[in-house]
Amino acid sequence: MGCQSQLSCRDGCGACCIAPSIASPLPGMPDGKPAGVPCAQLLADYRCAVFGRPERPAFCGGLRPSAEMCGDSRGVALQWLARLEVLTAPERGPSDILTAH
């Protein structure tokens, strides 16, 4: 059995702070964060301003860089996470479809 190395975040990426939605409140976004919208805590260098701090949402702390998620570029990571967002979205019922415009 081989030892798996820990993958670290790619410099200048921030895909995990843009692509997914976050349902819980976070600093600067009391109603959560919609998918595809940069987090209010995403710094200009694509690092998280609340990384390692108690106000960081549990969802964010649960995301871990992986070869599958991050791919070989920022673009691949954004696409993978956006697809995951679509695949895990709650199913819309008939009343949601009638009221969506």
N, C-alpha and C. Protein backbone atom coordinates (compact mmCIF):
# COMPACT_ATOMS: atom_id res chain seq x y z
N MET A 1 0.84 -1.19 0.00
CA MET A 1 0.00 0.00 0.00
C MET A 1 0.88 1.24 0.00
N GLY A 2 0.65 2.10 -0.97
CA GLY A 2 1.41 3.33 -1.07
C GLY A 2 0.78 4.44 -0.26
N CYS A 3 1.56 5.40 0.07
CA CYS A 3 1.10 6.57 0.81
C CYS A 3 0.65 7.64 -0.19
N GLN A 4 -0.55 8.17 -0.02
CA GLN A 4 -1.01 9.23 -0.92
C GLN A 4 -0.50 10.57 -0.42
N SER A 5 0.04 11.36 -1.34
CA SER A 5 0.51 12.68 -0.94
C SER A 5 -0.66 13.65 -0.92
N GLN A 6 -0.58 14.63 -0.06
CA GLN A 6 -1.61 15.66 0.06
C GLN A 6 -1.43 16.68 -1.06
N LEU A 7 -2.45 16.88 -1.87
CA LEU A 7 -2.40 17.87 -2.93
C LEU A 7 -2.67 19.24 -2.32
N SER A 8 -1.92 20.24 -2.73
CA SER A 8 -2.17 21.59 -2.21
C SER A 8 -2.82 22.44 -3.30
N CYS A 9 -3.42 23.53 -2.89
CA CYS A 9 -4.10 24.41 -3.83
C CYS A 9 -3.13 25.00 -4.84
N ARG A 10 -3.64 25.17 -6.05
CA ARG A 10 -2.87 25.78 -7.13
C ARG A 10 -2.85 27.29 -6.93
N ASP A 11 -1.71 27.91 -7.05
CA ASP A 11 -1.61 29.37 -6.95
C ASP A 11 -2.49 30.01 -8.03
N GLY A 12 -3.19 31.07 -7.65
CA GLY A 12 -4.00 31.83 -8.60
C GLY A 12 -5.23 31.11 -9.10
N CYS A 13 -5.77 30.16 -8.35
CA CYS A 13 -6.93 29.39 -8.83
C CYS A 13 -8.24 29.95 -8.28
N GLY A 14 -8.57 29.65 -7.04
CA GLY A 14 -9.80 30.14 -6.43
C GLY A 14 -11.07 29.51 -6.96
N ALA A 15 -10.97 28.44 -7.76
CA ALA A 15 -12.16 27.81 -8.35
C ALA A 15 -13.16 27.38 -7.29
N CYS A 16 -12.67 26.85 -6.17
CA CYS A 16 -13.58 26.38 -5.12
C CYS A 16 -14.25 27.54 -4.39
N CYS A 17 -13.79 28.76 -4.60
CA CYS A 17 -14.39 29.96 -4.00
C CYS A 17 -15.31 30.69 -4.99
N ILE A 18 -15.46 30.11 -6.17
CA ILE A 18 -16.29 30.73 -7.21
C ILE A 18 -17.41 29.78 -7.66
N ALA A 19 -17.06 28.58 -8.09
CA ALA A 19 -18.02 27.68 -8.73
C ALA A 19 -19.16 27.19 -7.84
N PRO A 20 -18.89 26.68 -6.64
CA PRO A 20 -20.00 26.11 -5.86
C PRO A 20 -20.85 27.16 -5.15
N SER A 21 -22.09 26.77 -4.89
CA SER A 21 -22.94 27.59 -4.03
C SER A 21 -22.62 27.23 -2.58
N ILE A 22 -22.88 28.17 -1.69
CA ILE A 22 -22.71 27.94 -0.25
C ILE A 22 -24.01 28.36 0.41
N ALA A 23 -24.69 27.43 1.05
CA ALA A 23 -26.01 27.71 1.62
C ALA A 23 -25.92 28.45 2.96
N SER A 24 -24.83 28.29 3.68
CA SER A 24 -24.71 28.92 4.99
C SER A 24 -24.18 30.34 4.88
N PRO A 25 -24.50 31.18 5.87
CA PRO A 25 -23.98 32.55 5.85
C PRO A 25 -22.46 32.55 6.02
N LEU A 26 -21.83 33.56 5.46
CA LEU A 26 -20.40 33.75 5.64
C LEU A 26 -20.13 35.24 5.68
N PRO A 27 -19.01 35.66 6.22
CA PRO A 27 -18.74 37.10 6.31
C PRO A 27 -18.86 37.79 4.96
N GLY A 28 -19.69 38.82 4.93
CA GLY A 28 -19.90 39.58 3.70
C GLY A 28 -20.99 39.02 2.82
N MET A 29 -21.51 37.84 3.15
CA MET A 29 -22.56 37.19 2.36
C MET A 29 -23.51 36.50 3.34
N PRO A 30 -24.35 37.27 4.04
CA PRO A 30 -25.19 36.70 5.09
C PRO A 30 -26.24 35.70 4.59
N ASP A 31 -26.55 35.73 3.30
CA ASP A 31 -27.52 34.79 2.73
C ASP A 31 -26.85 33.64 2.00
N GLY A 32 -25.56 33.48 2.17
CA GLY A 32 -24.84 32.44 1.45
C GLY A 32 -24.30 32.98 0.14
N LYS A 33 -23.80 32.07 -0.70
CA LYS A 33 -23.18 32.46 -1.96
C LYS A 33 -23.76 31.64 -3.11
N PRO A 34 -24.26 32.31 -4.15
CA PRO A 34 -24.75 31.57 -5.32
C PRO A 34 -23.60 30.94 -6.11
N ALA A 35 -23.90 29.88 -6.81
CA ALA A 35 -22.92 29.23 -7.67
C ALA A 35 -22.45 30.20 -8.75
N GLY A 36 -21.16 30.16 -9.03
CA GLY A 36 -20.60 30.98 -10.10
C GLY A 36 -20.25 32.40 -9.69
N VAL A 37 -20.54 32.77 -8.47
CA VAL A 37 -20.27 34.12 -7.95
C VAL A 37 -19.05 34.04 -7.04
N PRO A 38 -18.04 34.89 -7.26
CA PRO A 38 -16.89 34.87 -6.36
C PRO A 38 -17.29 35.18 -4.92
N CYS A 39 -16.74 34.46 -3.99
CA CYS A 39 -17.00 34.68 -2.58
C CYS A 39 -16.48 36.06 -2.17
N ALA A 40 -17.18 36.70 -1.25
CA ALA A 40 -16.75 38.01 -0.73
C ALA A 40 -15.40 37.92 -0.04
N GLN A 41 -15.01 36.71 0.39
CA GLN A 41 -13.74 36.53 1.10
C GLN A 41 -12.59 36.11 0.18
N LEU A 42 -12.84 36.06 -1.13
CA LEU A 42 -11.79 35.71 -2.08
C LEU A 42 -10.91 36.93 -2.32
N LEU A 43 -9.65 36.79 -1.99
CA LEU A 43 -8.70 37.90 -2.12
C LEU A 43 -8.23 38.04 -3.57
N ALA A 44 -7.58 39.14 -3.88
CA ALA A 44 -7.09 39.41 -5.24
C ALA A 44 -6.12 38.34 -5.74
N ASP A 45 -5.41 37.67 -4.81
CA ASP A 45 -4.48 36.61 -5.21
C ASP A 45 -5.16 35.23 -5.23
N TYR A 46 -6.51 35.22 -5.17
CA TYR A 46 -7.33 34.00 -5.20
C TYR A 46 -7.13 33.11 -3.98
N ARG A 47 -6.78 33.71 -2.87
CA ARG A 47 -6.70 33.01 -1.58
C ARG A 47 -7.90 33.42 -0.75
N CYS A 48 -8.22 32.61 0.26
CA CYS A 48 -9.37 32.86 1.13
C CYS A 48 -8.97 33.71 2.33
N ALA A 49 -9.70 34.80 2.56
CA ALA A 49 -9.40 35.69 3.68
C ALA A 49 -9.77 35.08 5.03
N VAL A 50 -10.66 34.07 5.04
CA VAL A 50 -11.06 33.47 6.31
C VAL A 50 -10.56 32.02 6.45
N PHE A 51 -9.59 31.64 5.63
CA PHE A 51 -9.03 30.29 5.71
C PHE A 51 -8.50 30.04 7.12
N GLY A 52 -8.92 28.91 7.71
CA GLY A 52 -8.45 28.55 9.05
C GLY A 52 -9.10 29.31 10.19
N ARG A 53 -10.05 30.18 9.89
CA ARG A 53 -10.71 30.97 10.93
C ARG A 53 -12.08 30.36 11.24
N PRO A 54 -12.59 30.59 12.45
CA PRO A 54 -13.86 29.97 12.85
C PRO A 54 -15.06 30.41 12.00
N GLU A 55 -15.01 31.58 11.40
CA GLU A 55 -16.15 32.05 10.60
C GLU A 55 -16.19 31.44 9.20
N ARG A 56 -15.17 30.68 8.85
CA ARG A 56 -15.15 30.00 7.55
C ARG A 56 -16.23 28.91 7.56
N PRO A 57 -17.10 28.87 6.55
CA PRO A 57 -18.17 27.87 6.52
C PRO A 57 -17.62 26.44 6.53
N ALA A 58 -18.36 25.54 7.17
CA ALA A 58 -17.96 24.13 7.22
C ALA A 58 -17.84 23.55 5.82
N PHE A 59 -18.70 23.99 4.91
CA PHE A 59 -18.64 23.51 3.52
C PHE A 59 -17.25 23.75 2.94
N CYS A 60 -16.72 24.92 3.15
CA CYS A 60 -15.40 25.27 2.61
C CYS A 60 -14.30 24.41 3.23
N GLY A 61 -14.40 24.21 4.54
CA GLY A 61 -13.42 23.40 5.22
C GLY A 61 -13.43 21.95 4.76
N GLY A 62 -14.57 21.50 4.25
CA GLY A 62 -14.70 20.13 3.76
C GLY A 62 -14.13 19.92 2.37
N LEU A 63 -13.96 20.98 1.62
CA LEU A 63 -13.38 20.84 0.28
C LEU A 63 -11.88 20.62 0.40
N ARG A 64 -11.40 19.59 -0.22
CA ARG A 64 -9.97 19.29 -0.21
C ARG A 64 -9.49 19.18 -1.65
N PRO A 65 -8.38 19.79 -1.98
CA PRO A 65 -7.87 19.67 -3.35
C PRO A 65 -7.62 18.20 -3.70
N SER A 66 -8.00 17.83 -4.91
CA SER A 66 -7.75 16.48 -5.39
C SER A 66 -7.43 16.56 -6.88
N ALA A 67 -6.74 15.56 -7.37
CA ALA A 67 -6.39 15.54 -8.80
C ALA A 67 -7.66 15.56 -9.65
N GLU A 68 -8.70 14.84 -9.21
CA GLU A 68 -9.94 14.79 -9.97
C GLU A 68 -10.62 16.17 -10.00
N MET A 69 -10.73 16.81 -8.86
CA MET A 69 -11.42 18.11 -8.77
C MET A 69 -10.61 19.23 -9.43
N CYS A 70 -9.33 19.26 -9.18
CA CYS A 70 -8.51 20.39 -9.63
C CYS A 70 -8.01 20.25 -11.06
N GLY A 71 -7.89 19.01 -11.54
CA GLY A 71 -7.41 18.81 -12.90
C GLY A 71 -6.03 19.41 -13.10
N ASP A 72 -5.76 19.81 -14.33
CA ASP A 72 -4.44 20.36 -14.64
C ASP A 72 -4.45 21.87 -14.86
N SER A 73 -5.61 22.51 -14.58
CA SER A 73 -5.69 23.97 -14.76
C SER A 73 -6.86 24.54 -13.96
N ARG A 74 -6.85 25.84 -13.80
CA ARG A 74 -7.95 26.54 -13.12
C ARG A 74 -9.26 26.33 -13.89
N GLY A 75 -9.19 26.39 -15.22
CA GLY A 75 -10.37 26.21 -16.05
C GLY A 75 -11.02 24.84 -15.85
N VAL A 76 -10.19 23.81 -15.77
CA VAL A 76 -10.70 22.46 -15.54
C VAL A 76 -11.38 22.39 -14.17
N ALA A 77 -10.77 22.98 -13.17
CA ALA A 77 -11.34 22.98 -11.82
C ALA A 77 -12.68 23.70 -11.80
N LEU A 78 -12.77 24.84 -12.46
CA LEU A 78 -14.04 25.58 -12.52
C LEU A 78 -15.12 24.74 -13.20
N GLN A 79 -14.78 24.08 -14.30
CA GLN A 79 -15.75 23.24 -15.02
C GLN A 79 -16.19 22.05 -14.17
N TRP A 80 -15.26 21.39 -13.52
CA TRP A 80 -15.57 20.21 -12.71
C TRP A 80 -16.50 20.59 -11.57
N LEU A 81 -16.17 21.68 -10.87
CA LEU A 81 -16.99 22.11 -9.74
C LEU A 81 -18.36 22.61 -10.20
N ALA A 82 -18.43 23.28 -11.34
CA ALA A 82 -19.72 23.74 -11.87
C ALA A 82 -20.60 22.54 -12.22
N ARG A 83 -20.02 21.52 -12.80
CA ARG A 83 -20.77 20.30 -13.13
C ARG A 83 -21.25 19.61 -11.84
N LEU A 84 -20.40 19.53 -10.84
CA LEU A 84 -20.79 18.93 -9.57
C LEU A 84 -21.96 19.72 -8.96
N GLU A 85 -21.91 21.03 -9.07
CA GLU A 85 -22.99 21.88 -8.56
C GLU A 85 -24.32 21.51 -9.22
N VAL A 86 -24.31 21.34 -10.52
CA VAL A 86 -25.52 20.98 -11.25
C VAL A 86 -26.00 19.58 -10.84
N LEU A 87 -25.08 18.64 -10.76
CA LEU A 87 -25.44 17.26 -10.45
C LEU A 87 -25.96 17.08 -9.03
N THR A 88 -25.59 17.96 -8.11
CA THR A 88 -26.01 17.83 -6.71
C THR A 88 -27.10 18.83 -6.31
N ALA A 89 -27.58 19.62 -7.24
CA ALA A 89 -28.64 20.60 -6.94
C ALA A 89 -29.92 19.86 -6.58
N PRO A 90 -30.69 20.41 -5.63
CA PRO A 90 -31.97 19.78 -5.30
C PRO A 90 -32.86 19.74 -6.53
N GLU A 91 -33.64 18.67 -6.63
CA GLU A 91 -34.54 18.54 -7.76
C GLU A 91 -35.64 19.59 -7.66
N ARG A 92 -35.96 20.19 -8.79
CA ARG A 92 -37.03 21.19 -8.82
C ARG A 92 -38.35 20.49 -9.06
N GLY A 93 -39.35 20.91 -8.31
CA GLY A 93 -40.68 20.35 -8.47
C GLY A 93 -41.49 21.14 -9.47
N PRO A 94 -42.70 20.66 -9.83
CA PRO A 94 -43.55 21.36 -10.81
C PRO A 94 -43.87 22.79 -10.42
N SER A 95 -44.07 23.08 -9.13
CA SER A 95 -44.39 24.45 -8.73
C SER A 95 -43.20 25.37 -8.94
N ASP A 96 -41.96 24.84 -8.78
CA ASP A 96 -40.76 25.65 -9.02
C ASP A 96 -40.64 26.00 -10.50
N ILE A 97 -40.98 25.05 -11.35
CA ILE A 97 -40.86 25.27 -12.80
C ILE A 97 -41.88 26.29 -13.26
N LEU A 98 -43.09 26.24 -12.69
CA LEU A 98 -44.13 27.19 -13.08
C LEU A 98 -43.81 28.62 -12.68
N THR A 99 -43.08 28.79 -11.56
CA THR A 99 -42.81 30.14 -11.09
C THR A 99 -41.46 30.66 -11.57
N ALA A 100 -40.61 29.83 -12.15
CA ALA A 100 -39.30 30.27 -12.64
C ALA A 100 -39.46 30.96 -14.00
N HIS A 101 -38.88 32.12 -14.13
CA HIS A 101 -38.95 32.85 -15.42
C HIS A 101 -37.57 33.26 -15.83
